[in-house]
């Protein structure tokens, strides 16, 4: 089985971070319609499973990138916590990008350096 490249996983992760945030917004709107205005439950019935799918996809992508890019535990923990707070996945994606945690070439360079150090 062929796994996606690191660059592909980074693109998928960035897309899922944005999609997860939009699905949070849809779910929050659905909850307002259900619990505050008491008009309909359709918003929650539709947005709930969609948000759940994006949430799980984001979590899998974050775990994959943790392994592929060899993130420090703190970065991986922040990626997980960001999925729990509404809209924080977009913040994390931007933060990680600025700090170089979403850079495929830097990960390849650090992997090569680690292999040279280990004598592989």
Protein backbone atom coordinates (compact mmCIF):
# COMPACT_ATOMS: atom_id res chain seq x y z
CA UNK A 1 0.00 0.00 0.00
CA UNK A 2 1.37 3.39 -0.98
CA UNK A 3 0.96 6.20 1.53
CA UNK A 4 0.47 9.83 0.47
CA UNK A 5 3.51 12.09 0.31
CA UNK A 6 4.23 14.50 3.13
CA UNK A 7 3.33 17.46 0.91
CA UNK A 8 -0.03 15.85 0.11
CA UNK A 9 -0.72 15.20 3.80
CA UNK A 10 0.07 18.82 4.62
CA UNK A 11 -2.41 20.01 1.95
CA UNK A 12 -5.05 17.60 3.26
CA UNK A 13 -4.42 18.74 6.84
CA UNK A 14 -4.77 22.41 5.89
CA UNK A 15 -8.02 21.70 4.03
CA UNK A 16 -9.44 19.68 6.91
CA UNK A 17 -8.53 22.43 9.40
CA UNK A 18 -10.63 24.90 7.42
CA UNK A 19 -13.46 22.43 6.76
CA UNK A 20 -13.57 21.49 10.45
CA UNK A 21 -13.94 25.16 11.40
CA UNK A 22 -16.76 25.72 8.89
CA UNK A 23 -18.53 22.59 10.09
CA UNK A 24 -18.24 23.91 13.68
CA UNK A 25 -20.00 27.09 12.51
CA UNK A 26 -22.76 25.08 10.84
CA UNK A 27 -23.18 22.92 13.94
CA UNK A 28 -23.30 25.96 16.23
CA UNK A 29 -25.95 27.53 13.98
CA UNK A 30 -27.90 24.28 14.06
CA UNK A 31 -27.72 24.22 17.86
CA UNK A 32 -28.99 27.79 18.06
CA UNK A 33 -31.93 26.87 15.83
CA UNK A 34 -32.64 23.77 17.90
CA UNK A 35 -32.15 25.04 21.45
CA UNK A 36 -32.60 28.83 21.34
CA UNK A 37 -35.20 29.49 18.69
CA UNK A 38 -36.71 25.99 18.99
CA UNK A 39 -37.62 26.05 15.30
CA UNK A 40 -35.91 23.00 13.80
CA UNK A 41 -33.50 20.17 14.50
CA UNK A 42 -32.48 19.77 10.86
CA UNK A 43 -29.33 21.87 11.29
CA UNK A 44 -27.99 19.59 14.00
CA UNK A 45 -29.06 16.44 12.14
CA UNK A 46 -27.16 17.53 9.03
CA UNK A 47 -24.19 19.44 10.47
CA UNK A 48 -23.53 16.99 13.31
CA UNK A 49 -22.39 14.02 11.20
CA UNK A 50 -20.54 16.29 8.77
CA UNK A 51 -18.65 17.94 11.62
CA UNK A 52 -17.93 14.53 13.13
CA UNK A 53 -16.42 13.30 9.86
CA UNK A 54 -14.22 16.40 9.49
CA UNK A 55 -13.21 16.16 13.15
CA UNK A 56 -12.09 12.54 12.74
CA UNK A 57 -10.32 13.35 9.45
CA UNK A 58 -8.50 16.25 11.09
CA UNK A 59 -7.44 14.06 14.00
CA UNK A 60 -6.12 11.33 11.69
CA UNK A 61 -4.27 13.89 9.56
CA UNK A 62 -2.75 15.51 12.66
CA UNK A 63 -1.58 12.13 13.99
CA UNK A 64 -0.13 11.28 10.58
CA UNK A 65 1.75 14.57 10.40
CA UNK A 66 3.00 14.12 13.96
CA UNK A 67 4.67 10.92 12.80
CA UNK A 68 5.73 12.14 9.34
CA UNK A 69 7.10 15.53 10.40
CA UNK A 70 8.28 14.38 13.82
CA UNK A 71 6.44 17.13 15.64
CA UNK A 72 7.36 17.70 19.28
CA UNK A 73 4.71 16.41 21.67
CA UNK A 74 3.67 19.99 22.50
CA UNK A 75 2.78 20.67 18.85
CA UNK A 76 0.82 17.42 18.56
CA UNK A 77 -1.04 18.22 21.79
CA UNK A 78 -1.93 21.70 20.51
CA UNK A 79 -3.25 20.21 17.27
CA UNK A 80 -5.52 17.90 19.27
CA UNK A 81 -6.73 20.61 21.62
CA UNK A 82 -7.45 22.92 18.70
CA UNK A 83 -10.02 20.46 17.38
CA UNK A 84 -12.02 20.76 20.59
CA UNK A 85 -12.33 24.57 20.57
CA UNK A 86 -14.51 26.13 17.87
CA UNK A 87 -12.47 27.59 14.99
CA UNK A 88 -9.12 26.87 16.69
CA UNK A 89 -8.04 24.44 13.95
CA UNK A 90 -7.56 27.40 11.60
CA UNK A 91 -5.52 29.20 14.27
CA UNK A 92 -3.38 26.09 14.81
CA UNK A 93 -2.83 25.56 11.08
CA UNK A 94 -1.65 29.18 10.70
CA UNK A 95 0.49 29.00 13.85
CA UNK A 96 2.12 25.72 12.83
CA UNK A 97 2.77 27.05 9.33
CA UNK A 98 4.47 30.19 10.66
CA UNK A 99 6.63 28.13 13.02
CA UNK A 100 7.73 25.73 10.26
CA UNK A 101 5.84 22.70 11.58
CA UNK A 102 4.04 22.30 8.25
CA UNK A 103 7.13 22.35 6.07
CA UNK A 104 7.79 19.11 4.16
CA UNK A 105 11.32 20.10 3.09
CA UNK A 106 12.38 20.90 6.66
CA UNK A 107 11.06 17.52 7.79
CA UNK A 108 13.03 15.75 5.05
CA UNK A 109 16.19 17.63 6.01
CA UNK A 110 15.81 16.76 9.70
CA UNK A 111 15.17 13.12 8.78
CA UNK A 112 18.35 13.06 6.67
CA UNK A 113 20.35 14.66 9.47
CA UNK A 114 18.98 12.13 11.97
CA UNK A 115 19.90 9.25 9.66
CA UNK A 116 23.42 10.62 9.15
CA UNK A 117 23.85 10.97 12.90
CA UNK A 118 22.67 7.42 13.42
CA UNK A 119 25.00 6.19 10.70
CA UNK A 120 22.25 4.84 8.45
